[in-house]
Amino acid sequence: MVMEKTRKILTLLLIMVLTLVFSACVGGANAQQPPFQIGIIQLVEHPALDAAREGFMAALSNEGIAAEYDYQNAQGDIPTLSTIAQRFVNNTVDLVLAIATPSVQAISAETDVIPIVGTAITSYVRAGVVHSNEAPGFNVTGASDMNPIEAQIKMIFEFVPDMQTLGMTYSSNEANSVYQVEIARGIAESLGLTVVEGSVTTVGDVQQNMLSIAARADAIWLPSDNTHATAMPIVAQVSIDTGTPVFPAEENMVMGGGVATLSVNYFELGYQSGQMAAQILRGEGEPATMPIQFAQRYNYVVNGFMADELKLTVPERHRDSIRHP
């Protein structure tokens, strides 16, 4: 009798152990993926870059990717970007979102292992972080904010029909800005325009440089330049004081004190980058073989306040694009 009871107890214990082991196995198989750790390195805070970041996060959420973000902003200080990049490498994050050209250069200099997805970057090739747009070759890919520069310059004629001299000013330490101005210079000259240029290295240089260019130009075109984007209140005041209209390449810069543009939508651009990141995190792609993507559409935007201040007639076809800051 005792032997039989002992066998029953042992049998029950065995069943319980097997049940627990099976449950553990099933639970392990169905356990929820822990959130991915994503570092966000951003050069400076301004509406375009902020919109790109928000678009990226919205895309990952809509793609069902659980993520925890370590958002770090260098506030325009280049050395701080390296410190942020080292932080992400030390923390072994799963992926880094790099917003703006100096950001992607900083993080790519610190790691060739962690996947990097960029956004609001004009030329990844010019930045030296990929082999080519078609086959990046390294741990970097992303979406480019290359502007429709020829269309932008031709649009300026609609507001300033008698334009003969076009001014351009840019940050000389931003590879994206230098690249855009090289393209814009060739286009402007092919259209018969005389080009006058100036460059800055800090926000503190912007006012004097703008005054110099405005004195010699009928209108000024600005690339999507982070230094000038931060200094748009200064740009706007010089424009009003001199009567020289400014046509930035990016819509938030327009609303900060420019007249008009045909611009990338930065939320949508960030969203594209987020979709690319989702593929990488799911193991469906690798940065080295994911081609650089470009904006899928552009938006006209007109700053009604600046057009009125400068007494410019808004062309009929652009009147639906008027906004007031």
C-alpha atoms as a PDB file:
ATOM      1  CA  MET A   1       0.000   0.000   0.000  1.00  0.00           C
ATOM      2  CA  VAL A   2       2.817   2.353   0.947  1.00  0.00           C
ATOM      3  CA  MET A   3       4.653   1.478  -2.242  1.00  0.00           C
ATOM      4  CA  GLU A   4       1.561   2.208  -4.337  1.00  0.00           C
ATOM      5  CA  LYS A   5       1.038   5.581  -2.630  1.00  0.00           C
ATOM      6  CA  THR A   6       4.654   6.459  -3.199  1.00  0.00           C
ATOM      7  CA  ARG A   7       4.359   5.623  -6.912  1.00  0.00           C
ATOM      8  CA  LYS A   8       1.239   7.811  -7.214  1.00  0.00           C
ATOM      9  CA  ILE A   9       2.977  10.737  -5.510  1.00  0.00           C
ATOM     10  CA  LEU A  10       6.027  10.344  -7.723  1.00  0.00           C
ATOM     11  CA  THR A  11       3.801  10.176 -10.809  1.00  0.00           C
ATOM     12  CA  LEU A  12       1.977  13.355  -9.779  1.00  0.00           C
ATOM     13  CA  LEU A  13       5.257  15.115  -9.093  1.00  0.00           C
ATOM     14  CA  LEU A  14       6.583  14.069 -12.506  1.00  0.00           C
ATOM     15  CA  ILE A  15       3.437  15.362 -14.219  1.00  0.00           C
ATOM     16  CA  MET A  16       3.770  18.669 -12.369  1.00  0.00           C
ATOM     17  CA  VAL A  17       7.430  19.022 -13.334  1.00  0.00           C
ATOM     18  CA  LEU A  18       6.706  18.222 -16.976  1.00  0.00           C
ATOM     19  CA  THR A  19       3.815  20.703 -16.975  1.00  0.00           C
ATOM     20  CA  LEU A  20       6.043  23.432 -15.589  1.00  0.00           C
ATOM     21  CA  VAL A  21       8.779  22.703 -18.124  1.00  0.00           C
ATOM     22  CA  PHE A  22       6.273  22.719 -20.994  1.00  0.00           C
ATOM     23  CA  SER A  23       4.731  25.961 -19.767  1.00  0.00           C
ATOM     24  CA  ALA A  24       8.141  27.561 -19.517  1.00  0.00           C
ATOM     25  CA  CYS A  25       8.979  26.511 -23.052  1.00  0.00           C
ATOM     26  CA  VAL A  26       5.690  27.817 -24.443  1.00  0.00           C
ATOM     27  CA  GLY A  27       5.976  31.013 -22.438  1.00  0.00           C
ATOM     28  CA  GLY A  28       9.505  31.541 -23.705  1.00  0.00           C
ATOM     29  CA  ALA A  29       8.412  31.046 -27.293  1.00  0.00           C
ATOM     30  CA  ASN A  30       5.537  33.496 -26.902  1.00  0.00           C
ATOM     31  CA  ALA A  31       7.352  36.001 -24.703  1.00  0.00           C
ATOM     32  CA  GLN A  32       7.019  39.545 -25.944  1.00  0.00           C
ATOM     33  CA  GLN A  33      10.077  41.018 -27.672  1.00  0.00           C
ATOM     34  CA  PRO A  34      11.649  43.520 -25.276  1.00  0.00           C
ATOM     35  CA  PRO A  35      11.623  47.098 -26.599  1.00  0.00           C
ATOM     36  CA  PHE A  36      14.431  47.985 -28.977  1.00  0.00           C
ATOM     37  CA  GLN A  37      16.835  50.587 -27.637  1.00  0.00           C
ATOM     38  CA  ILE A  38      17.134  53.407 -30.168  1.00  0.00           C
ATOM     39  CA  GLY A  39      19.458  56.364 -29.897  1.00  0.00           C
ATOM     40  CA  ILE A  40      18.466  59.623 -31.601  1.00  0.00           C
ATOM     41  CA  ILE A  41      21.272  62.076 -32.321  1.00  0.00           C
ATOM     42  CA  GLN A  42      20.081  65.490 -33.526  1.00  0.00           C
ATOM     43  CA  LEU A  43      22.274  68.444 -34.440  1.00  0.00           C
ATOM     44  CA  VAL A  44      20.029  71.267 -33.308  1.00  0.00           C
ATOM     45  CA  GLU A  45      16.423  71.955 -32.395  1.00  0.00           C
ATOM     46  CA  HIS A  46      14.332  73.560 -35.117  1.00  0.00           C
ATOM     47  CA  PRO A  47      10.968  72.702 -36.718  1.00  0.00           C
ATOM     48  CA  ALA A  48      12.226  70.743 -39.752  1.00  0.00           C
ATOM     49  CA  LEU A  49      14.507  68.435 -37.782  1.00  0.00           C
ATOM     50  CA  ASP A  50      11.918  68.058 -35.007  1.00  0.00           C
ATOM     51  CA  ALA A  51       9.300  67.081 -37.611  1.00  0.00           C
ATOM     52  CA  ALA A  52      11.661  64.477 -39.081  1.00  0.00           C
ATOM     53  CA  ARG A  53      12.174  62.958 -35.623  1.00  0.00           C
ATOM     54  CA  GLU A  54       8.431  62.856 -34.972  1.00  0.00           C
ATOM     55  CA  GLY A  55       7.806  61.226 -38.354  1.00  0.00           C
ATOM     56  CA  PHE A  56      10.414  58.550 -37.624  1.00  0.00           C
ATOM     57  CA  MET A  57       8.834  57.662 -34.274  1.00  0.00           C
ATOM     58  CA  ALA A  58       5.340  57.640 -35.786  1.00  0.00           C
ATOM     59  CA  ALA A  59       6.459  55.180 -38.462  1.00  0.00           C
ATOM     60  CA  LEU A  60       7.966  52.755 -35.934  1.00  0.00           C
ATOM     61  CA  SER A  61       4.795  52.917 -33.849  1.00  0.00           C
ATOM     62  CA  ASN A  62       2.615  52.260 -36.904  1.00  0.00           C
ATOM     63  CA  GLU A  63       4.910  49.392 -37.911  1.00  0.00           C
ATOM     64  CA  GLY A  64       4.308  47.762 -34.509  1.00  0.00           C
ATOM     65  CA  ILE A  65       7.896  48.188 -33.334  1.00  0.00           C
ATOM     66  CA  ALA A  66       8.234  48.518 -29.553  1.00  0.00           C
ATOM     67  CA  ALA A  67      11.040  50.967 -28.852  1.00  0.00           C
ATOM     68  CA  GLU A  68      12.589  53.012 -26.088  1.00  0.00           C
ATOM     69  CA  TYR A  69      14.299  56.204 -27.240  1.00  0.00           C
ATOM     70  CA  ASP A  70      17.376  57.965 -25.949  1.00  0.00           C
ATOM     71  CA  TYR A  71      16.978  61.385 -27.587  1.00  0.00           C
ATOM     72  CA  GLN A  72      20.066  63.597 -27.460  1.00  0.00           C
ATOM     73  CA  ASN A  73      20.325  67.087 -28.997  1.00  0.00           C
ATOM     74  CA  ALA A  74      23.725  68.735 -29.510  1.00  0.00           C
ATOM     75  CA  GLN A  75      22.177  72.230 -29.654  1.00  0.00           C
ATOM     76  CA  GLY A  76      24.379  73.084 -32.620  1.00  0.00           C
ATOM     77  CA  ASP A  77      27.655  72.161 -30.915  1.00  0.00           C
ATOM     78  CA  ILE A  78      29.698  69.851 -33.160  1.00  0.00           C
ATOM     79  CA  PRO A  79      31.988  68.412 -30.431  1.00  0.00           C
ATOM     80  CA  THR A  80      28.886  67.439 -28.429  1.00  0.00           C
ATOM     81  CA  LEU A  81      27.821  65.208 -31.313  1.00  0.00           C
ATOM     82  CA  SER A  82      30.890  63.019 -30.747  1.00  0.00           C
ATOM     83  CA  THR A  83      30.080  62.745 -27.045  1.00  0.00           C
ATOM     84  CA  ILE A  84      26.531  61.681 -27.863  1.00  0.00           C
ATOM     85  CA  ALA A  85      27.773  59.154 -30.422  1.00  0.00           C
ATOM     86  CA  GLN A  86      30.144  57.617 -27.880  1.00  0.00           C
ATOM     87  CA  ARG A  87      27.274  57.365 -25.390  1.00  0.00           C
ATOM     88  CA  PHE A  88      25.206  55.320 -27.841  1.00  0.00           C
ATOM     89  CA  VAL A  89      28.125  53.019 -28.638  1.00  0.00           C
ATOM     90  CA  ASN A  90      28.874  52.475 -24.938  1.00  0.00           C
ATOM     91  CA  ASN A  91      25.203  51.686 -24.309  1.00  0.00           C
ATOM     92  CA  THR A  92      25.140  49.275 -27.296  1.00  0.00           C
ATOM     93  CA  VAL A  93      21.843  50.606 -28.619  1.00  0.00           C
ATOM     94  CA  ASP A  94      20.081  48.518 -31.270  1.00  0.00           C
ATOM     95  CA  LEU A  95      19.897  51.312 -33.849  1.00  0.00           C
ATOM     96  CA  VAL A  96      20.689  55.013 -34.176  1.00  0.00           C
ATOM     97  CA  LEU A  97      18.612  57.666 -35.932  1.00  0.00           C
ATOM     98  CA  ALA A  98      20.948  60.429 -37.140  1.00  0.00           C
ATOM     99  CA  ILE A  99      19.221  63.728 -37.907  1.00  0.00           C
ATOM    100  CA  ALA A 100      21.220  66.114 -40.159  1.00  0.00           C
ATOM    101  CA  THR A 101      24.590  65.621 -41.853  1.00  0.00           C
ATOM    102  CA  PRO A 102      26.959  66.403 -38.943  1.00  0.00           C
ATOM    103  CA  SER A 103      25.026  63.908 -36.811  1.00  0.00           C
ATOM    104  CA  VAL A 104      25.454  61.018 -39.216  1.00  0.00           C
ATOM    105  CA  GLN A 105      29.132  61.868 -39.649  1.00  0.00           C
ATOM    106  CA  ALA A 106      29.638  61.831 -35.878  1.00  0.00           C
ATOM    107  CA  ILE A 107      27.959  58.490 -35.186  1.00  0.00           C
ATOM    108  CA  SER A 108      29.423  56.730 -38.241  1.00  0.00           C
ATOM    109  CA  ALA A 109      32.896  57.739 -37.039  1.00  0.00           C
ATOM    110  CA  GLU A 110      32.277  55.884 -33.767  1.00  0.00           C
ATOM    111  CA  THR A 111      30.781  52.587 -34.983  1.00  0.00           C
ATOM    112  CA  ASP A 112      30.705  50.408 -38.071  1.00  0.00           C
ATOM    113  CA  VAL A 113      28.521  47.817 -36.355  1.00  0.00           C
ATOM    114  CA  ILE A 114      25.388  49.512 -34.965  1.00  0.00           C
ATOM    115  CA  PRO A 115      22.821  50.133 -37.740  1.00  0.00           C
ATOM    116  CA  ILE A 116      22.456  53.853 -38.509  1.00  0.00           C
ATOM    117  CA  VAL A 117      19.449  55.336 -40.291  1.00  0.00           C
ATOM    118  CA  GLY A 118      19.677  58.968 -41.328  1.00  0.00           C
ATOM    119  CA  THR A 119      17.115  61.616 -42.122  1.00  0.00           C
ATOM    120  CA  ALA A 120      17.294  65.297 -43.160  1.00  0.00           C
ATOM    121  CA  ILE A 121      20.635  64.580 -44.856  1.00  0.00           C
ATOM    122  CA  THR A 122      21.179  65.966 -48.346  1.00  0.00           C
ATOM    123  CA  SER A 123      23.990  63.783 -49.687  1.00  0.00           C
ATOM    124  CA  TYR A 124      25.171  60.668 -47.867  1.00  0.00           C
ATOM    125  CA  VAL A 125      27.894  60.229 -50.481  1.00  0.00           C
ATOM    126  CA  ARG A 126      29.191  63.776 -50.027  1.00  0.00           C
ATOM    127  CA  ALA A 127      29.086  63.289 -46.255  1.00  0.00           C
ATOM    128  CA  GLY A 128      31.419  60.315 -46.711  1.00  0.00           C
ATOM    129  CA  VAL A 129      29.215  57.776 -44.926  1.00  0.00           C
ATOM    130  CA  VAL A 130      28.174  55.562 -47.884  1.00  0.00           C
ATOM    131  CA  HIS A 131      29.766  54.289 -51.085  1.00  0.00           C
ATOM    132  CA  SER A 132      26.774  55.177 -53.245  1.00  0.00           C
ATOM    133  CA  ASN A 133      23.053  55.893 -53.018  1.00  0.00           C
ATOM    134  CA  GLU A 134      22.271  52.566 -54.665  1.00  0.00           C
ATOM    135  CA  ALA A 135      24.577  50.423 -52.501  1.00  0.00           C
ATOM    136  CA  PRO A 136      25.598  52.191 -49.276  1.00  0.00           C
ATOM    137  CA  GLY A 137      28.110  49.462 -48.389  1.00  0.00           C
ATOM    138  CA  PHE A 138      28.471  50.384 -44.718  1.00  0.00           C
ATOM    139  CA  ASN A 139      26.177  50.390 -41.665  1.00  0.00           C
ATOM    140  CA  VAL A 140      24.439  53.580 -42.813  1.00  0.00           C
ATOM    141  CA  THR A 141      21.319  54.189 -44.893  1.00  0.00           C
ATOM    142  CA  GLY A 142      18.372  56.586 -44.732  1.00  0.00           C
ATOM    143  CA  ALA A 143      16.316  59.243 -46.507  1.00  0.00           C
ATOM    144  CA  SER A 144      17.691  62.331 -48.265  1.00  0.00           C
ATOM    145  CA  ASP A 145      16.195  65.830 -48.107  1.00  0.00           C
ATOM    146  CA  MET A 146      17.721  66.871 -51.428  1.00  0.00           C
ATOM    147  CA  ASN A 147      15.674  69.818 -52.667  1.00  0.00           C
ATOM    148  CA  PRO A 148      14.277  70.473 -56.164  1.00  0.00           C
ATOM    149  CA  ILE A 149      16.761  73.329 -56.534  1.00  0.00           C
ATOM    150  CA  GLU A 150      16.110  74.162 -60.188  1.00  0.00           C
ATOM    151  CA  ALA A 151      12.362  74.437 -59.580  1.00  0.00           C
ATOM    152  CA  GLN A 152      13.016  76.599 -56.511  1.00  0.00           C
ATOM    153  CA  ILE A 153      15.179  79.077 -58.415  1.00  0.00           C
ATOM    154  CA  LYS A 154      12.745  79.257 -61.328  1.00  0.00           C
ATOM    155  CA  MET A 155       9.970  79.940 -58.805  1.00  0.00           C
ATOM    156  CA  ILE A 156      11.839  83.026 -57.555  1.00  0.00           C
ATOM    157  CA  PHE A 157      11.344  84.628 -60.998  1.00  0.00           C
ATOM    158  CA  GLU A 158       7.582  84.419 -60.405  1.00  0.00           C
ATOM    159  CA  PHE A 159       7.968  86.722 -57.395  1.00  0.00           C
ATOM    160  CA  VAL A 160      10.886  88.836 -58.695  1.00  0.00           C
ATOM    161  CA  PRO A 161      10.473  88.903 -62.507  1.00  0.00           C
ATOM    162  CA  ASP A 162      13.300  91.399 -63.088  1.00  0.00           C
ATOM    163  CA  MET A 163      15.855  89.453 -61.031  1.00  0.00           C
ATOM    164  CA  GLN A 164      19.368  89.650 -62.471  1.00  0.00           C
ATOM    165  CA  THR A 165      21.534  88.906 -59.436  1.00  0.00           C
ATOM    166  CA  LEU A 166      20.839  86.047 -57.023  1.00  0.00           C
ATOM    167  CA  GLY A 167      22.507  85.958 -53.636  1.00  0.00           C
ATOM    168  CA  MET A 168      23.384  82.738 -51.817  1.00  0.00           C
ATOM    169  CA  THR A 169      24.626  82.304 -48.271  1.00  0.00           C
ATOM    170  CA  TYR A 170      25.420  79.091 -46.459  1.00  0.00           C
ATOM    171  CA  SER A 171      27.357  77.465 -43.644  1.00  0.00           C
ATOM    172  CA  SER A 172      30.813  76.486 -44.878  1.00  0.00           C
ATOM    173  CA  ASN A 173      31.161  73.744 -42.249  1.00  0.00           C
ATOM    174  CA  GLU A 174      27.994  71.933 -43.342  1.00  0.00           C
ATOM    175  CA  ALA A 175      28.779  69.588 -46.229  1.00  0.00           C
ATOM    176  CA  ASN A 176      25.090  69.460 -47.162  1.00  0.00           C
ATOM    177  CA  SER A 177      24.958  73.243 -47.606  1.00  0.00           C
ATOM    178  CA  VAL A 178      28.160  73.464 -49.637  1.00  0.00           C
ATOM    179  CA  TYR A 179      26.849  70.730 -51.935  1.00  0.00           C
ATOM    180  CA  GLN A 180      23.486  72.442 -52.474  1.00  0.00           C
ATOM    181  CA  VAL A 181      25.126  75.783 -53.269  1.00  0.00           C
ATOM    182  CA  GLU A 182      27.425  74.152 -55.828  1.00  0.00           C
ATOM    183  CA  ILE A 183      24.352  72.805 -57.617  1.00  0.00           C
ATOM    184  CA  ALA A 184      22.384  76.044 -57.254  1.00  0.00           C
ATOM    185  CA  ARG A 185      25.266  78.143 -58.593  1.00  0.00           C
ATOM    186  CA  GLY A 186      25.402  76.135 -61.801  1.00  0.00           C
ATOM    187  CA  ILE A 187      21.637  76.287 -62.270  1.00  0.00           C
ATOM    188  CA  ALA A 188      21.458  80.040 -61.628  1.00  0.00           C
ATOM    189  CA  GLU A 189      24.279  80.785 -64.046  1.00  0.00           C
ATOM    190  CA  SER A 190      22.651  78.604 -66.701  1.00  0.00           C
ATOM    191  CA  LEU A 191      19.549  80.789 -66.306  1.00  0.00           C
ATOM    192  CA  GLY A 192      21.614  83.910 -67.004  1.00  0.00           C
ATOM    193  CA  LEU A 193      21.844  85.100 -63.412  1.00  0.00           C
ATOM    194  CA  THR A 194      24.854  86.662 -61.721  1.00  0.00           C
ATOM    195  CA  VAL A 195      25.540  84.897 -58.429  1.00  0.00           C
ATOM    196  CA  VAL A 196      26.949  86.568 -55.318  1.00  0.00           C
ATOM    197  CA  GLU A 197      27.849  84.350 -52.378  1.00  0.00           C
ATOM    198  CA  GLY A 198      28.838  84.491 -48.760  1.00  0.00           C
ATOM    199  CA  SER A 199      29.425  81.882 -46.092  1.00  0.00           C
ATOM    200  CA  VAL A 200      29.277  81.661 -42.304  1.00  0.00           C
ATOM    201  CA  THR A 201      30.558  79.289 -39.660  1.00  0.00           C
ATOM    202  CA  THR A 202      28.332  80.299 -36.732  1.00  0.00           C
ATOM    203  CA  VAL A 203      24.974  81.959 -36.117  1.00  0.00           C
ATOM    204  CA  GLY A 204      26.897  85.037 -34.984  1.00  0.00           C
ATOM    205  CA  ASP A 205      28.167  85.545 -38.560  1.00  0.00           C
ATOM    206  CA  VAL A 206      24.740  85.540 -40.174  1.00  0.00           C
ATOM    207  CA  GLN A 207      23.675  89.175 -39.799  1.00  0.00           C
ATOM    208  CA  GLN A 208      26.800  90.753 -41.275  1.00  0.00           C
ATOM    209  CA  ASN A 209      26.934  88.216 -44.090  1.00  0.00           C
ATOM    210  CA  MET A 210      23.246  88.695 -44.922  1.00  0.00           C
ATOM    211  CA  LEU A 211      23.668  92.489 -45.043  1.00  0.00           C
ATOM    212  CA  SER A 212      26.604  92.118 -47.419  1.00  0.00           C
ATOM    213  CA  ILE A 213      24.718  89.804 -49.766  1.00  0.00           C
ATOM    214  CA  ALA A 214      21.476  91.803 -49.628  1.00  0.00           C
ATOM    215  CA  ALA A 215      23.325  94.964 -50.728  1.00  0.00           C
ATOM    216  CA  ARG A 216      24.366  93.258 -53.976  1.00  0.00           C
ATOM    217  CA  ALA A 217      21.426  90.958 -54.853  1.00  0.00           C
ATOM    218  CA  ASP A 218      17.875  91.270 -56.122  1.00  0.00           C
ATOM    219  CA  ALA A 219      16.871  88.183 -54.114  1.00  0.00           C
ATOM    220  CA  ILE A 220      18.567  85.598 -51.891  1.00  0.00           C
ATOM    221  CA  TRP A 221      18.282  81.809 -52.031  1.00  0.00           C
ATOM    222  CA  LEU A 222      19.204  79.777 -48.947  1.00  0.00           C
ATOM    223  CA  PRO A 223      19.957  76.030 -48.902  1.00  0.00           C
ATOM    224  CA  SER A 224      18.425  73.816 -46.214  1.00  0.00           C
ATOM    225  CA  ASP A 225      21.170  74.935 -43.866  1.00  0.00           C
ATOM    226  CA  ASN A 226      20.979  74.251 -40.130  1.00  0.00           C
ATOM    227  CA  THR A 227      22.895  77.382 -39.127  1.00  0.00           C
ATOM    228  CA  HIS A 228      20.611  79.699 -41.096  1.00  0.00           C
ATOM    229  CA  ALA A 229      17.526  77.753 -40.010  1.00  0.00           C
ATOM    230  CA  THR A 230      18.438  78.563 -36.415  1.00  0.00           C
ATOM    231  CA  ALA A 231      19.049  82.220 -37.341  1.00  0.00           C
ATOM    232  CA  MET A 232      15.859  82.857 -39.323  1.00  0.00           C
ATOM    233  CA  PRO A 233      14.696  85.740 -37.055  1.00  0.00           C
ATOM    234  CA  ILE A 234      17.937  87.540 -38.017  1.00  0.00           C
ATOM    235  CA  VAL A 235      17.467  86.656 -41.686  1.00  0.00           C
ATOM    236  CA  ALA A 236      13.891  87.971 -41.601  1.00  0.00           C
ATOM    237  CA  GLN A 237      14.887  91.291 -40.063  1.00  0.00           C
ATOM    238  CA  VAL A 238      17.644  91.867 -42.616  1.00  0.00           C
ATOM    239  CA  SER A 239      15.184  91.009 -45.391  1.00  0.00           C
ATOM    240  CA  ILE A 240      12.645  93.554 -44.117  1.00  0.00           C
ATOM    241  CA  ASP A 241      15.247  96.244 -43.411  1.00  0.00           C
ATOM    242  CA  THR A 242      16.855  95.984 -46.860  1.00  0.00           C
ATOM    243  CA  GLY A 243      13.761  95.064 -48.873  1.00  0.00           C
ATOM    244  CA  THR A 244      15.565  92.000 -50.249  1.00  0.00           C
ATOM    245  CA  PRO A 245      13.340  88.906 -50.423  1.00  0.00           C
ATOM    246  CA  VAL A 246      14.762  85.609 -49.169  1.00  0.00           C
ATOM    247  CA  PHE A 247      13.730  82.247 -50.592  1.00  0.00           C
ATOM    248  CA  PRO A 248      14.919  79.386 -48.354  1.00  0.00           C
ATOM    249  CA  ALA A 249      14.939  75.796 -49.582  1.00  0.00           C
ATOM    250  CA  GLU A 250      12.849  74.508 -46.664  1.00  0.00           C
ATOM    251  CA  GLU A 251       9.289  75.355 -45.598  1.00  0.00           C
ATOM    252  CA  ASN A 252       9.939  75.934 -41.892  1.00  0.00           C
ATOM    253  CA  MET A 253      12.674  78.403 -42.807  1.00  0.00           C
ATOM    254  CA  VAL A 254      10.139  80.151 -45.040  1.00  0.00           C
ATOM    255  CA  MET A 255       7.703  80.439 -42.164  1.00  0.00           C
ATOM    256  CA  GLY A 256      10.553  81.740 -40.016  1.00  0.00           C
ATOM    257  CA  GLY A 257      11.097  84.737 -42.297  1.00  0.00           C
ATOM    258  CA  GLY A 258      11.429  83.719 -45.939  1.00  0.00           C
ATOM    259  CA  VAL A 259       8.981  84.407 -48.763  1.00  0.00           C
ATOM    260  CA  ALA A 260       8.294  81.096 -50.522  1.00  0.00           C
ATOM    261  CA  THR A 261       9.664  77.716 -51.543  1.00  0.00           C
ATOM    262  CA  LEU A 262       8.976  74.288 -52.959  1.00  0.00           C
ATOM    263  CA  SER A 263       9.966  72.067 -50.061  1.00  0.00           C
ATOM    264  CA  VAL A 264      10.397  68.564 -48.720  1.00  0.00           C
ATOM    265  CA  ASN A 265       7.853  67.622 -46.043  1.00  0.00           C
ATOM    266  CA  TYR A 266      10.129  66.686 -43.150  1.00  0.00           C
ATOM    267  CA  PHE A 267       7.565  64.687 -41.203  1.00  0.00           C
ATOM    268  CA  GLU A 268       7.042  62.491 -44.253  1.00  0.00           C
ATOM    269  CA  LEU A 269      10.798  62.228 -44.787  1.00  0.00           C
ATOM    270  CA  GLY A 270      11.277  61.100 -41.188  1.00  0.00           C
ATOM    271  CA  TYR A 271       8.439  58.627 -41.695  1.00  0.00           C
ATOM    272  CA  GLN A 272      10.301  57.098 -44.659  1.00  0.00           C
ATOM    273  CA  SER A 273      13.381  56.720 -42.466  1.00  0.00           C
ATOM    274  CA  GLY A 274      11.266  55.081 -39.775  1.00  0.00           C
ATOM    275  CA  GLN A 275       9.927  52.522 -42.220  1.00  0.00           C
ATOM    276  CA  MET A 276      13.497  51.688 -43.231  1.00  0.00           C
ATOM    277  CA  ALA A 277      14.471  51.302 -39.563  1.00  0.00           C
ATOM    278  CA  ALA A 278      11.527  48.946 -39.002  1.00  0.00           C
ATOM    279  CA  GLN A 279      12.799  46.668 -41.769  1.00  0.00           C
ATOM    280  CA  ILE A 280      16.251  46.593 -40.202  1.00  0.00           C
ATOM    281  CA  LEU A 281      14.943  45.874 -36.704  1.00  0.00           C
ATOM    282  CA  ARG A 282      12.777  43.024 -38.016  1.00  0.00           C
ATOM    283  CA  GLY A 283      15.784  41.517 -39.767  1.00  0.00           C
ATOM    284  CA  GLU A 284      14.312  42.176 -43.207  1.00  0.00           C
ATOM    285  CA  GLY A 285      17.200  44.305 -44.449  1.00  0.00           C
ATOM    286  CA  GLU A 286      20.672  45.632 -43.721  1.00  0.00           C
ATOM    287  CA  PRO A 287      21.841  49.238 -44.141  1.00  0.00           C
ATOM    288  CA  ALA A 288      24.699  48.208 -46.451  1.00  0.00           C
ATOM    289  CA  THR A 289      22.275  46.957 -49.094  1.00  0.00           C
ATOM    290  CA  MET A 290      19.325  49.339 -48.567  1.00  0.00           C
ATOM    291  CA  PRO A 291      19.423  52.164 -51.150  1.00  0.00           C
ATOM    292  CA  ILE A 292      19.149  55.762 -49.985  1.00  0.00           C
ATOM    293  CA  GLN A 293      15.574  56.998 -50.416  1.00  0.00           C
ATOM    294  CA  PHE A 294      14.441  60.432 -51.576  1.00  0.00           C
ATOM    295  CA  ALA A 295      11.389  62.564 -50.840  1.00  0.00           C
ATOM    296  CA  GLN A 296       8.328  61.344 -52.698  1.00  0.00           C
ATOM    297  CA  ARG A 297       6.607  64.720 -53.024  1.00  0.00           C
ATOM    298  CA  TYR A 298       7.201  68.429 -52.422  1.00  0.00           C
ATOM    299  CA  ASN A 299       4.989  71.231 -51.115  1.00  0.00           C
ATOM    300  CA  TYR A 300       4.732  74.881 -52.121  1.00  0.00           C
ATOM    301  CA  VAL A 301       4.530  77.246 -49.180  1.00  0.00           C
ATOM    302  CA  VAL A 302       4.257  81.053 -49.129  1.00  0.00           C
ATOM    303  CA  ASN A 303       4.734  83.259 -46.072  1.00  0.00           C
ATOM    304  CA  GLY A 304       1.875  85.752 -46.437  1.00  0.00           C
ATOM    305  CA  PHE A 305       3.301  88.115 -43.820  1.00  0.00           C
ATOM    306  CA  MET A 306       6.699  88.440 -45.527  1.00  0.00           C
ATOM    307  CA  ALA A 307       5.118  88.827 -48.978  1.00  0.00           C
ATOM    308  CA  ASP A 308       3.028  91.709 -47.621  1.00  0.00           C
ATOM    309  CA  GLU A 309       5.972  93.300 -45.797  1.00  0.00           C
ATOM    310  CA  LEU A 310       8.077  93.250 -48.956  1.00  0.00           C
ATOM    311  CA  LYS A 311       5.126  94.311 -51.156  1.00  0.00           C
ATOM    312  CA  LEU A 312       5.483  91.269 -53.391  1.00  0.00           C
ATOM    313  CA  THR A 313       2.619  90.035 -55.532  1.00  0.00           C
ATOM    314  CA  VAL A 314       1.931  86.372 -54.905  1.00  0.00           C
ATOM    315  CA  PRO A 315       1.383  84.596 -58.255  1.00  0.00           C
ATOM    316  CA  GLU A 316      -2.133  83.288 -58.752  1.00  0.00           C
ATOM    317  CA  ARG A 317      -1.018  79.647 -58.787  1.00  0.00           C
ATOM    318  CA  HIS A 318       0.612  79.993 -55.362  1.00  0.00           C
ATOM    319  CA  ARG A 319      -2.198  81.750 -53.518  1.00  0.00           C
ATOM    320  CA  ASP A 320      -3.604  78.514 -52.136  1.00  0.00           C
ATOM    321  CA  SER A 321      -0.176  77.937 -50.544  1.00  0.00           C
ATOM    322  CA  ILE A 322      -0.188  81.148 -48.491  1.00  0.00           C
ATOM    323  CA  ARG A 323       0.252  80.702 -44.758  1.00  0.00           C
ATOM    324  CA  HIS A 324       0.556  83.239 -41.975  1.00  0.00           C
ATOM    325  CA  PRO A 325       3.039  82.588 -39.146  1.00  0.00           C
END
